[in-house]
Protein backbone atom coordinates (compact mmCIF):
# COMPACT_ATOMS: atom_id res chain seq x y z
CA MET A 1 -30.56 -27.89 2.26
CA GLU A 2 -31.48 -26.45 -1.16
CA PRO A 3 -29.74 -23.21 -2.21
CA LYS A 4 -33.12 -21.40 -2.34
CA GLU A 5 -33.59 -22.12 1.34
CA SER A 6 -30.10 -21.11 2.25
CA VAL A 7 -30.56 -17.52 1.11
CA VAL A 8 -33.96 -15.69 1.18
CA LYS A 9 -34.13 -12.25 -0.43
CA SER A 10 -36.64 -9.48 0.10
CA VAL A 11 -36.45 -6.15 -1.79
CA VAL A 12 -36.75 -2.96 0.32
CA HIS A 13 -36.27 -0.50 -2.58
CA THR A 14 -35.99 -1.42 -6.23
CA GLY A 15 -32.90 -0.57 -8.14
CA THR A 16 -32.46 1.92 -10.97
CA LYS A 17 -30.40 -0.18 -13.42
CA ALA A 18 -29.64 -3.81 -14.15
CA VAL A 19 -25.94 -4.49 -14.20
CA SER A 20 -23.64 -7.30 -15.35
CA PHE A 21 -21.02 -8.86 -13.14
CA VAL A 22 -17.76 -10.48 -14.27
CA PRO A 23 -14.67 -11.56 -12.34
CA GLY A 24 -12.68 -8.45 -11.39
CA THR A 25 -15.81 -6.24 -11.06
CA LYS A 26 -15.58 -3.86 -8.13
CA VAL A 27 -18.77 -3.48 -6.13
CA VAL A 28 -19.28 -0.80 -3.46
CA PHE A 29 -22.12 -1.25 -1.01
CA HIS A 30 -23.32 -0.31 2.48
CA PHE A 31 -24.34 -3.21 4.70
CA ARG A 32 -26.17 -3.70 7.91
CA THR A 33 -25.85 -7.00 9.64
CA THR A 34 -28.37 -8.21 12.27
CA LYS A 35 -29.27 -11.40 14.03
CA CYS A 36 -32.46 -13.16 12.98
CA ASP A 37 -33.88 -12.93 16.53
CA PRO A 38 -37.16 -11.10 17.44
CA ASP A 39 -35.25 -7.87 18.31
CA LYS A 40 -33.22 -7.88 15.04
CA THR A 41 -30.08 -7.34 17.20
CA LEU A 42 -27.62 -5.17 15.36
CA ILE A 43 -24.05 -6.53 14.84
CA ASP A 44 -22.58 -4.14 12.31
CA ASP A 45 -23.49 -1.13 10.21
CA SER A 46 -21.05 0.15 7.61
CA ARG A 47 -22.42 3.69 7.93
CA THR A 48 -21.26 3.87 11.52
CA MET A 49 -17.92 2.37 10.50
CA GLY A 50 -17.33 5.37 8.36
CA LYS A 51 -17.26 4.08 4.81
CA PRO A 52 -18.93 1.61 2.50
CA MET A 53 -17.58 -1.88 1.75
CA GLU A 54 -15.56 -2.45 -1.42
CA LEU A 55 -15.32 -5.90 -2.88
CA VAL A 56 -13.59 -7.23 -5.99
CA LEU A 57 -15.43 -10.23 -7.34
CA GLY A 58 -13.51 -13.42 -7.96
CA LYS A 59 -10.68 -12.66 -5.42
CA LYS A 60 -11.83 -15.36 -2.96
CA PHE A 61 -13.08 -12.98 -0.29
CA LYS A 62 -13.33 -14.77 3.01
CA LEU A 63 -17.12 -14.29 3.26
CA GLU A 64 -18.04 -15.87 -0.10
CA ILE A 65 -21.81 -15.27 0.37
CA TRP A 66 -21.38 -11.57 -0.05
CA GLU A 67 -20.08 -12.12 -3.56
CA VAL A 68 -23.15 -14.22 -4.27
CA ILE A 69 -25.84 -11.94 -2.93
CA VAL A 70 -24.55 -8.61 -4.46
CA GLN A 71 -24.78 -10.26 -7.86
CA LYS A 72 -28.52 -10.78 -7.28
CA MET A 73 -29.05 -7.01 -7.08
CA ALA A 74 -29.54 -3.99 -9.37
CA LEU A 75 -27.69 -0.72 -9.02
CA ASN A 76 -29.03 1.42 -6.10
CA GLU A 77 -31.28 -1.43 -4.94
CA VAL A 78 -31.76 -2.01 -1.22
CA ALA A 79 -32.45 -5.63 -0.25
CA ARG A 80 -32.45 -7.89 2.76
CA PHE A 81 -30.89 -11.35 2.64
CA ARG A 82 -31.54 -13.87 5.34
CA VAL A 83 -28.60 -16.28 5.11
CA ASN A 84 -28.35 -19.72 6.70
CA LYS A 85 -25.78 -20.03 9.50
CA SER A 86 -23.84 -22.62 7.54
CA LEU A 87 -22.87 -19.88 5.03
CA VAL A 88 -21.72 -17.18 7.57
CA THR A 89 -19.32 -19.05 9.82
CA ALA A 90 -16.56 -16.68 8.61
CA TYR A 91 -18.53 -13.53 9.46
CA PRO A 92 -17.15 -12.97 13.00
CA PHE A 93 -13.58 -12.84 11.62
CA VAL A 94 -14.55 -10.62 8.71
CA SER A 95 -16.38 -8.35 11.12
CA LYS A 96 -13.39 -8.08 13.42
CA THR A 97 -11.17 -7.11 10.48
CA LEU A 98 -13.62 -4.40 9.30
CA ARG A 99 -14.03 -2.96 12.80
CA GLU A 100 -10.32 -2.59 13.16
CA VAL A 101 -9.36 -1.24 9.75
CA GLY A 102 -7.15 1.83 10.19
CA LYS A 103 -6.72 1.40 13.97
CA PRO A 104 -3.25 1.38 15.46
CA ALA A 105 -1.99 -2.02 16.60
CA SER A 106 -2.41 -0.96 20.30
CA GLU A 107 -6.15 -0.60 19.82
CA LYS A 108 -6.72 -3.92 18.10
CA ARG A 109 -8.14 -6.71 20.21
CA ASN A 110 -6.57 -10.06 20.61
CA HIS A 111 -3.91 -10.25 17.91
CA HIS A 112 -3.45 -14.03 18.35
CA CYS A 113 -5.13 -16.53 16.08
CA CYS A 114 -4.08 -19.97 17.33
CA GLY A 115 -6.77 -22.44 18.22
CA VAL A 116 -6.05 -22.48 21.96
CA THR A 117 -6.19 -18.70 22.22
CA LEU A 118 -9.39 -18.51 20.13
CA GLN A 119 -11.01 -21.13 22.44
CA ASN A 120 -9.93 -19.47 25.69
CA GLU A 121 -10.04 -15.75 24.79
CA GLY A 122 -12.12 -15.36 21.67
CA ILE A 123 -11.38 -12.63 19.13
CA GLY A 124 -11.87 -9.65 21.39
CA TYR A 125 -15.54 -8.81 20.87
CA ASP A 126 -18.25 -10.41 22.97
CA ASP A 127 -20.96 -10.34 20.31
CA LEU A 128 -18.60 -11.96 17.75
CA ASN A 129 -17.39 -14.54 20.23
CA ASP A 130 -21.10 -15.45 20.80
CA LEU A 131 -21.55 -15.93 17.04
CA ILE A 132 -18.54 -18.31 16.98
CA THR A 133 -19.84 -20.32 19.93
CA ASN A 134 -23.54 -20.19 18.91
CA PRO A 135 -23.74 -20.02 15.06
CA GLN A 136 -26.99 -18.66 13.79
CA ASP A 137 -28.70 -17.24 10.71
CA LEU A 138 -27.86 -13.65 9.88
CA GLU A 139 -29.67 -10.98 7.95
CA PHE A 140 -27.71 -8.55 5.67
CA THR A 141 -29.38 -5.38 4.45
CA ILE A 142 -27.43 -4.34 1.39
CA GLU A 143 -27.56 -1.09 -0.58
CA LEU A 144 -25.63 -1.45 -3.81
CA LEU A 145 -24.00 1.93 -4.47
CA GLU A 146 -21.61 1.34 -7.33
CA VAL A 147 -20.60 -1.38 -9.78
CA VAL A 148 -17.30 -0.77 -11.70
CA SER A 149 -16.14 -3.05 -14.48
CA PRO A 150 -12.52 -4.23 -14.33
CA ASN A 151 -11.28 -1.92 -17.10
CA GLU A 152 -12.88 1.20 -15.55
CA TYR A 153 -10.89 1.51 -12.33
CA GLU A 154 -7.23 1.52 -11.31
CA LYS A 155 -6.50 -1.73 -9.62
CA GLU A 156 -4.51 -1.88 -6.41
CA THR A 157 -1.38 -3.87 -6.52
CA TRP A 158 -2.78 -6.86 -4.64
CA GLN A 159 -5.55 -7.14 -7.24
CA MET A 160 -3.19 -7.47 -10.23
CA THR A 161 -1.85 -10.49 -12.00
CA GLU A 162 1.89 -10.70 -12.71
CA GLU A 163 1.21 -9.72 -16.36
CA GLU A 164 -0.82 -6.65 -15.27
CA LYS A 165 1.92 -5.52 -12.90
CA LEU A 166 4.55 -5.85 -15.66
CA LYS A 167 2.43 -3.78 -18.03
CA SER A 168 1.66 -1.08 -15.48
CA ILE A 169 5.27 -0.44 -14.46
CA PRO A 170 6.27 1.67 -17.57
CA LYS A 171 3.01 3.68 -17.16
CA LEU A 172 3.82 4.42 -13.55
CA ARG A 173 7.32 5.52 -14.55
CA GLU A 174 5.90 7.85 -17.21
CA LYS A 175 3.31 9.19 -14.77
CA GLY A 176 6.17 9.87 -12.23
CA ASN A 177 8.26 11.62 -14.93
CA SER A 178 5.25 13.82 -15.85
CA LEU A 179 4.66 14.77 -12.19
CA PHE A 180 8.45 15.42 -11.78
CA LYS A 181 8.40 17.93 -14.68
CA LYS A 182 5.51 19.69 -12.91
CA LYS A 183 7.72 19.84 -9.75
CA ASP A 184 5.28 17.76 -7.82
CA TYR A 185 8.04 15.74 -6.30
CA GLN A 186 5.97 13.99 -3.56
CA ALA A 187 3.37 12.64 -6.06
CA ALA A 188 6.15 11.60 -8.47
CA SER A 189 7.92 9.83 -5.61
CA ASP A 190 4.70 7.93 -4.77
CA SER A 191 4.30 6.87 -8.38
CA TYR A 192 7.94 5.62 -8.58
CA ALA A 193 7.56 3.84 -5.23
CA THR A 194 4.51 1.92 -6.49
CA ALA A 195 6.47 0.82 -9.55
CA ILE A 196 9.44 -0.23 -7.42
CA GLY A 197 7.21 -2.26 -5.16
CA MET A 198 5.69 -4.11 -8.09
CA LEU A 199 9.11 -4.87 -9.50
CA GLU A 200 10.30 -6.18 -6.17
CA GLN A 201 7.30 -8.43 -5.87
CA LEU A 202 7.99 -9.86 -9.36
CA MET A 203 11.69 -10.27 -8.63
CA LEU A 204 10.82 -12.40 -5.54
CA MET A 205 9.29 -14.93 -7.87
CA GLU A 206 12.47 -15.33 -9.83
CA LYS A 207 15.82 -16.84 -8.88
CA PRO A 208 18.40 -14.10 -8.12
CA ASN A 209 20.69 -13.33 -11.04
CA ASP A 210 18.76 -15.50 -13.45
CA GLU A 211 17.91 -13.92 -16.84
CA ASP A 212 14.32 -12.82 -15.87
CA TRP A 213 15.51 -11.46 -12.50
CA LEU A 214 18.29 -9.47 -14.22
CA ALA A 215 15.83 -8.02 -16.72
CA LEU A 216 13.53 -6.87 -13.89
CA ASN A 217 16.46 -5.42 -12.00
CA GLU A 218 17.48 -3.54 -15.09
CA MET A 219 14.02 -2.02 -15.20
CA LYS A 220 14.23 -1.11 -11.55
CA ILE A 221 17.51 0.83 -11.64
CA PRO A 222 16.31 3.95 -13.55
CA ILE A 223 13.15 4.15 -11.50
CA LEU A 224 15.18 3.87 -8.29
CA LEU A 225 17.39 6.75 -9.54
CA ASN A 226 14.35 8.93 -10.26
CA TYR A 227 12.92 8.04 -6.86
CA ALA A 228 16.25 8.99 -5.22
CA GLN A 229 16.24 12.36 -7.07
CA CYS A 230 12.73 13.12 -5.66
CA LYS A 231 14.01 12.21 -2.18
CA LEU A 232 16.95 14.46 -2.66
CA LEU A 233 14.78 17.40 -3.60
CA ASN A 234 12.50 16.68 -0.70
CA LYS A 235 15.55 16.69 1.60
CA GLU A 236 15.10 13.02 2.65
CA TYR A 237 18.85 12.45 2.55
CA TYR A 238 19.20 9.05 4.25
CA ASP A 239 16.66 7.58 1.83
CA VAL A 240 18.76 8.95 -1.03
CA ILE A 241 21.85 7.20 0.39
CA GLU A 242 19.92 3.93 0.85
CA HIS A 243 18.44 3.82 -2.63
CA CYS A 244 21.58 4.93 -4.47
CA THR A 245 23.55 2.27 -2.55
CA THR A 246 21.06 -0.32 -3.80
CA VAL A 247 21.68 0.82 -7.40
CA LEU A 248 25.43 0.79 -6.91
CA LYS A 249 25.42 -2.78 -5.73
CA SER A 250 24.17 -3.80 -9.13
CA ASP A 251 25.90 -1.10 -11.10
CA PRO A 252 29.06 0.13 -9.27
CA GLY A 253 29.84 2.68 -12.00
CA ASN A 254 26.54 4.43 -12.11
CA VAL A 255 27.40 8.07 -12.28
CA LYS A 256 23.95 9.38 -11.29
CA ALA A 257 23.84 7.16 -8.27
CA LEU A 258 27.33 8.25 -7.15
CA TYR A 259 26.60 11.91 -7.67
CA ARG A 260 23.22 11.88 -5.92
CA ARG A 261 24.51 9.87 -3.01
CA GLY A 262 27.47 12.25 -2.76
CA LYS A 263 25.11 15.19 -2.55
CA ALA A 264 23.10 13.46 0.13
CA HIS A 265 26.31 12.78 2.11
CA ILE A 266 27.12 16.53 1.95
CA ALA A 267 23.74 17.31 3.38
CA VAL A 268 24.30 15.08 6.40
CA TRP A 269 27.97 16.14 6.83
CA ASN A 270 29.56 12.85 5.79
CA GLU A 271 32.78 14.42 4.53
CA VAL A 272 34.71 11.19 3.67
CA GLU A 273 31.79 9.57 1.90
CA ALA A 274 30.78 12.66 0.03
CA THR A 275 34.36 13.25 -1.26
CA ARG A 276 34.68 9.67 -2.32
CA ASP A 277 31.40 9.48 -4.21
CA LEU A 278 31.74 12.88 -5.96
CA LYS A 279 35.35 12.32 -7.08
CA ARG A 280 34.49 8.86 -8.34
CA ALA A 281 31.54 10.35 -10.34
CA ALA A 282 33.89 12.94 -11.87
CA GLU A 283 36.44 10.26 -12.79
CA LEU A 284 33.79 8.28 -14.67
CA ASP A 285 32.28 11.39 -16.24
CA PRO A 286 34.92 14.12 -16.71
CA SER A 287 32.21 16.62 -17.71
CA LEU A 288 31.31 16.75 -14.00
CA ASN A 289 34.74 17.96 -12.99
CA THR A 290 33.87 21.62 -12.61
CA VAL A 291 30.57 20.92 -10.82
CA VAL A 292 32.19 18.47 -8.41
CA GLU A 293 35.05 20.88 -7.58
CA LYS A 294 32.57 23.60 -6.76
CA GLU A 295 30.45 21.20 -4.59
CA LEU A 296 33.52 19.99 -2.64
CA HIS A 297 34.94 23.52 -2.27
CA SER A 298 31.62 24.84 -0.89
CA PHE A 299 31.46 21.79 1.40
CA ALA A 300 34.90 22.41 2.71
CA VAL A 301 34.05 26.06 3.45
CA ALA A 302 30.86 24.95 5.19
CA ILE A 303 32.74 22.45 7.33
CA LYS A 304 35.26 25.10 8.46
CA GLU A 305 32.46 27.51 9.34
CA LYS A 306 30.69 24.76 11.28
CA GLU A 307 33.90 23.91 13.18
CA GLN A 308 34.43 27.55 14.10
CA VAL A 309 30.91 27.85 15.39
CA GLU A 310 31.35 24.73 17.49
CA LYS A 311 34.68 26.05 18.87
CA LYS A 312 32.98 29.27 19.92
CA LYS A 313 30.28 27.33 21.68
CA LEU A 314 32.77 25.20 23.53
CA ALA A 315 34.76 28.27 24.52
CA GLN A 316 31.68 29.97 25.86
CA MET A 317 30.86 26.91 27.91
CA PHE A 318 34.22 26.81 29.57
CA ASN A 319 34.31 30.58 30.20
CA LYS A 320 31.10 30.51 32.20
């Protein structure tokens, strides 16, 4: 079949501006999917799903025909595309994914994907199962809402190349530092977390303890420390302990990690661990001696008060 017969376009409303498309361009559009039967049976409508579709060109989206047809449109154009059944065999699976975006796992239908399950149970939606069993032409009504060139939007991590991730990490760290100075600790924490996630993805591609892996780990340590400080200020103490412990595995003498972990141990009443970490931090950095002595003295007082309160409660229980 010739390409011109595989896709037939008809314009509903003309667009307002011709646009150019290159790999990495993000397109945002509403879509309406119907069968090509006399009743134009509705399958999906992005407006009822709650938000338009976003697609990044050149990222091998499962339904390749959508990448093709949106590039035949102008901005704000509304057009119908009748597409041959041979080009939409993936649509039932794409539709299932879009219908279930944001739903908890308990509400998703048929989580299995093996051939036997698919044959016996389908994918959880009768209309989509029918499309799998009886492939047919589909009509997509597309309204092209937005076209954003690759350099005009902030890419999500999964869209980035290794080089792009590496370049963005220092920027994310600087952004986190700026937010931290403004005392927006949650936003700073999010920025640091994104940078850490990228670094960990890059480290997975290297052999542990090789030169490149060690260089990435060295980049990760100060960001982890900043992240731990945000968690400490947000009173997420067990996260502080976890992340500082990660730092200390690579750098056992890291004073900041020891001090912050010690503070977190105080907050969760870990007396032995808090004393060990804070004293070690003071040994490595004698300028912390006074601060550490005050921290441990206050902690000792707090422990005694806590013990007295607990004794009183026990006494009251036995006196009843």
